[in-house]
Amino acid sequence: MRRFVIAMGAAPHMKLSRQGVEFSATDAPMTFDTHDAAYDYLVRHNEEEPLKGVRGEIIEDLSL
């Protein structure tokens, strides 16, 4: 099954944590079933920390 995550554009190894409060390379990432679901989350929360001022990229996480 394909899973998508939101990564920090400047540091793609940093993914939005499952709790949605920070970007982390070690914490479990917040995952989405579809690219559209990840996009919707990104649009709804782009003015809130930790997404505010960050170029978020939606990527398929092949490690999951």
N, C-alpha and C. Protein backbone atom coordinates (compact mmCIF):
# COMPACT_ATOMS: atom_id res chain seq x y z
N MET A 1 0.84 -1.18 0.00
CA MET A 1 0.00 0.00 0.00
C MET A 1 0.89 1.24 0.00
N ARG A 2 0.54 2.19 -0.83
CA ARG A 2 1.31 3.44 -0.91
C ARG A 2 0.97 4.33 0.28
N ARG A 3 1.98 4.94 0.89
CA ARG A 3 1.80 5.87 2.00
C ARG A 3 2.57 7.14 1.66
N PHE A 4 1.99 8.26 2.01
CA PHE A 4 2.59 9.56 1.73
C PHE A 4 2.87 10.30 3.03
N VAL A 5 3.93 11.09 3.02
CA VAL A 5 4.31 11.89 4.18
C VAL A 5 4.59 13.31 3.70
N ILE A 6 4.63 14.24 4.66
CA ILE A 6 5.01 15.62 4.37
C ILE A 6 6.43 15.80 4.89
N ALA A 7 7.31 16.13 3.96
CA ALA A 7 8.72 16.33 4.31
C ALA A 7 9.06 17.81 4.21
N MET A 8 10.10 18.20 4.93
CA MET A 8 10.59 19.57 4.88
C MET A 8 11.36 19.73 3.56
N GLY A 9 10.97 20.70 2.75
CA GLY A 9 11.58 20.87 1.44
C GLY A 9 13.08 21.03 1.46
N ALA A 10 13.61 21.80 2.42
CA ALA A 10 15.05 22.05 2.50
C ALA A 10 15.81 20.85 3.07
N ALA A 11 15.11 19.95 3.73
CA ALA A 11 15.74 18.78 4.35
C ALA A 11 14.76 17.61 4.25
N PRO A 12 14.69 16.96 3.08
CA PRO A 12 13.66 15.95 2.86
C PRO A 12 13.72 14.73 3.77
N HIS A 13 14.81 14.55 4.51
CA HIS A 13 14.88 13.44 5.48
C HIS A 13 14.09 13.77 6.75
N MET A 14 13.70 15.03 6.90
CA MET A 14 12.91 15.47 8.05
C MET A 14 11.44 15.40 7.67
N LYS A 15 10.69 14.53 8.35
CA LYS A 15 9.28 14.32 8.03
C LYS A 15 8.41 14.83 9.18
N LEU A 16 7.21 15.27 8.85
CA LEU A 16 6.28 15.73 9.86
C LEU A 16 5.95 14.57 10.78
N SER A 17 6.14 14.78 12.07
CA SER A 17 5.93 13.70 13.04
C SER A 17 4.45 13.33 13.14
N ARG A 18 4.20 12.14 13.62
CA ARG A 18 2.83 11.62 13.74
C ARG A 18 1.94 12.57 14.53
N GLN A 19 2.50 13.25 15.54
CA GLN A 19 1.72 14.19 16.36
C GLN A 19 1.50 15.52 15.63
N GLY A 20 2.27 15.78 14.58
CA GLY A 20 2.11 17.01 13.82
C GLY A 20 2.67 18.24 14.48
N VAL A 21 3.58 18.06 15.45
CA VAL A 21 4.10 19.22 16.18
C VAL A 21 5.52 19.58 15.79
N GLU A 22 6.19 18.72 15.00
CA GLU A 22 7.57 19.01 14.61
C GLU A 22 7.96 18.15 13.42
N PHE A 23 9.07 18.53 12.79
CA PHE A 23 9.68 17.69 11.78
C PHE A 23 10.78 16.89 12.45
N SER A 24 10.90 15.63 12.10
CA SER A 24 11.88 14.77 12.76
C SER A 24 12.40 13.72 11.77
N ALA A 25 13.65 13.36 11.96
CA ALA A 25 14.23 12.28 11.17
C ALA A 25 14.12 10.95 11.90
N THR A 26 13.74 10.99 13.18
CA THR A 26 13.71 9.75 13.96
C THR A 26 12.32 9.35 14.45
N ASP A 27 11.43 10.31 14.69
CA ASP A 27 10.07 9.99 15.14
C ASP A 27 9.26 9.37 14.01
N ALA A 28 8.25 8.60 14.37
CA ALA A 28 7.35 8.03 13.37
C ALA A 28 6.64 9.17 12.64
N PRO A 29 6.58 9.10 11.31
CA PRO A 29 5.95 10.19 10.56
C PRO A 29 4.43 10.09 10.51
N MET A 30 3.80 11.24 10.30
CA MET A 30 2.37 11.27 10.03
C MET A 30 2.20 10.76 8.60
N THR A 31 1.36 9.77 8.41
CA THR A 31 1.19 9.19 7.08
C THR A 31 -0.22 9.41 6.56
N PHE A 32 -0.32 9.42 5.26
CA PHE A 32 -1.59 9.63 4.57
C PHE A 32 -1.77 8.54 3.53
N ASP A 33 -3.02 8.12 3.33
CA ASP A 33 -3.31 7.07 2.36
C ASP A 33 -3.17 7.54 0.92
N THR A 34 -3.40 8.83 0.69
CA THR A 34 -3.34 9.35 -0.67
C THR A 34 -2.57 10.67 -0.70
N HIS A 35 -2.10 11.01 -1.88
CA HIS A 35 -1.43 12.30 -2.08
C HIS A 35 -2.42 13.43 -1.79
N ASP A 36 -3.67 13.26 -2.22
CA ASP A 36 -4.70 14.29 -2.00
C ASP A 36 -4.94 14.54 -0.52
N ALA A 37 -4.95 13.49 0.29
CA ALA A 37 -5.16 13.65 1.73
C ALA A 37 -4.00 14.43 2.35
N ALA A 38 -2.78 14.15 1.92
CA ALA A 38 -1.62 14.88 2.42
C ALA A 38 -1.68 16.34 1.98
N TYR A 39 -2.09 16.57 0.75
CA TYR A 39 -2.22 17.94 0.24
C TYR A 39 -3.27 18.72 1.03
N ASP A 40 -4.40 18.09 1.29
CA ASP A 40 -5.45 18.74 2.06
C ASP A 40 -4.95 19.14 3.45
N TYR A 41 -4.21 18.25 4.11
CA TYR A 41 -3.66 18.55 5.42
C TYR A 41 -2.69 19.73 5.32
N LEU A 42 -1.83 19.69 4.31
CA LEU A 42 -0.84 20.75 4.12
C LEU A 42 -1.52 22.10 3.91
N VAL A 43 -2.56 22.14 3.12
CA VAL A 43 -3.27 23.39 2.85
C VAL A 43 -3.99 23.89 4.11
N ARG A 44 -4.64 22.99 4.84
CA ARG A 44 -5.38 23.39 6.05
C ARG A 44 -4.48 23.89 7.17
N HIS A 45 -3.25 23.40 7.23
CA HIS A 45 -2.38 23.71 8.37
C HIS A 45 -1.13 24.52 8.01
N ASN A 46 -1.07 25.09 6.81
CA ASN A 46 0.16 25.76 6.39
C ASN A 46 0.44 27.06 7.12
N GLU A 47 -0.50 27.59 7.88
CA GLU A 47 -0.26 28.81 8.66
C GLU A 47 -0.05 28.51 10.13
N GLU A 48 0.11 27.22 10.46
CA GLU A 48 0.33 26.80 11.84
C GLU A 48 1.72 26.17 11.95
N GLU A 49 2.30 26.23 13.14
CA GLU A 49 3.56 25.55 13.40
C GLU A 49 3.32 24.05 13.34
N PRO A 50 4.20 23.26 12.85
CA PRO A 50 5.54 23.58 12.35
C PRO A 50 5.58 23.85 10.85
N LEU A 51 4.42 23.93 10.18
CA LEU A 51 4.40 24.12 8.72
C LEU A 51 4.56 25.58 8.31
N LYS A 52 4.28 26.50 9.20
CA LYS A 52 4.34 27.93 8.87
C LYS A 52 5.76 28.31 8.44
N GLY A 53 5.87 28.89 7.25
CA GLY A 53 7.16 29.34 6.74
C GLY A 53 8.04 28.24 6.19
N VAL A 54 7.52 27.03 6.12
CA VAL A 54 8.30 25.89 5.62
C VAL A 54 7.73 25.44 4.28
N ARG A 55 8.60 25.13 3.36
CA ARG A 55 8.15 24.57 2.10
C ARG A 55 7.99 23.06 2.31
N GLY A 56 6.75 22.64 2.48
CA GLY A 56 6.47 21.22 2.67
C GLY A 56 6.37 20.51 1.33
N GLU A 57 6.91 19.32 1.27
CA GLU A 57 6.83 18.50 0.07
C GLU A 57 6.15 17.19 0.41
N ILE A 58 5.25 16.78 -0.43
CA ILE A 58 4.55 15.51 -0.25
C ILE A 58 5.33 14.45 -1.02
N ILE A 59 5.76 13.43 -0.29
CA ILE A 59 6.53 12.37 -0.94
C ILE A 59 5.95 11.01 -0.58
N GLU A 60 6.13 10.06 -1.47
CA GLU A 60 5.76 8.70 -1.15
C GLU A 60 6.87 8.13 -0.29
N ASP A 61 6.53 7.59 0.86
CA ASP A 61 7.53 7.04 1.78
C ASP A 61 7.67 5.55 1.50
N LEU A 62 8.73 5.18 0.84
CA LEU A 62 8.95 3.78 0.48
C LEU A 62 9.46 2.94 1.64
N SER A 63 9.81 3.60 2.75
CA SER A 63 10.32 2.87 3.91
C SER A 63 9.21 2.31 4.79
N LEU A 64 7.97 2.71 4.55
CA LEU A 64 6.86 2.26 5.39
C LEU A 64 6.30 0.94 4.90
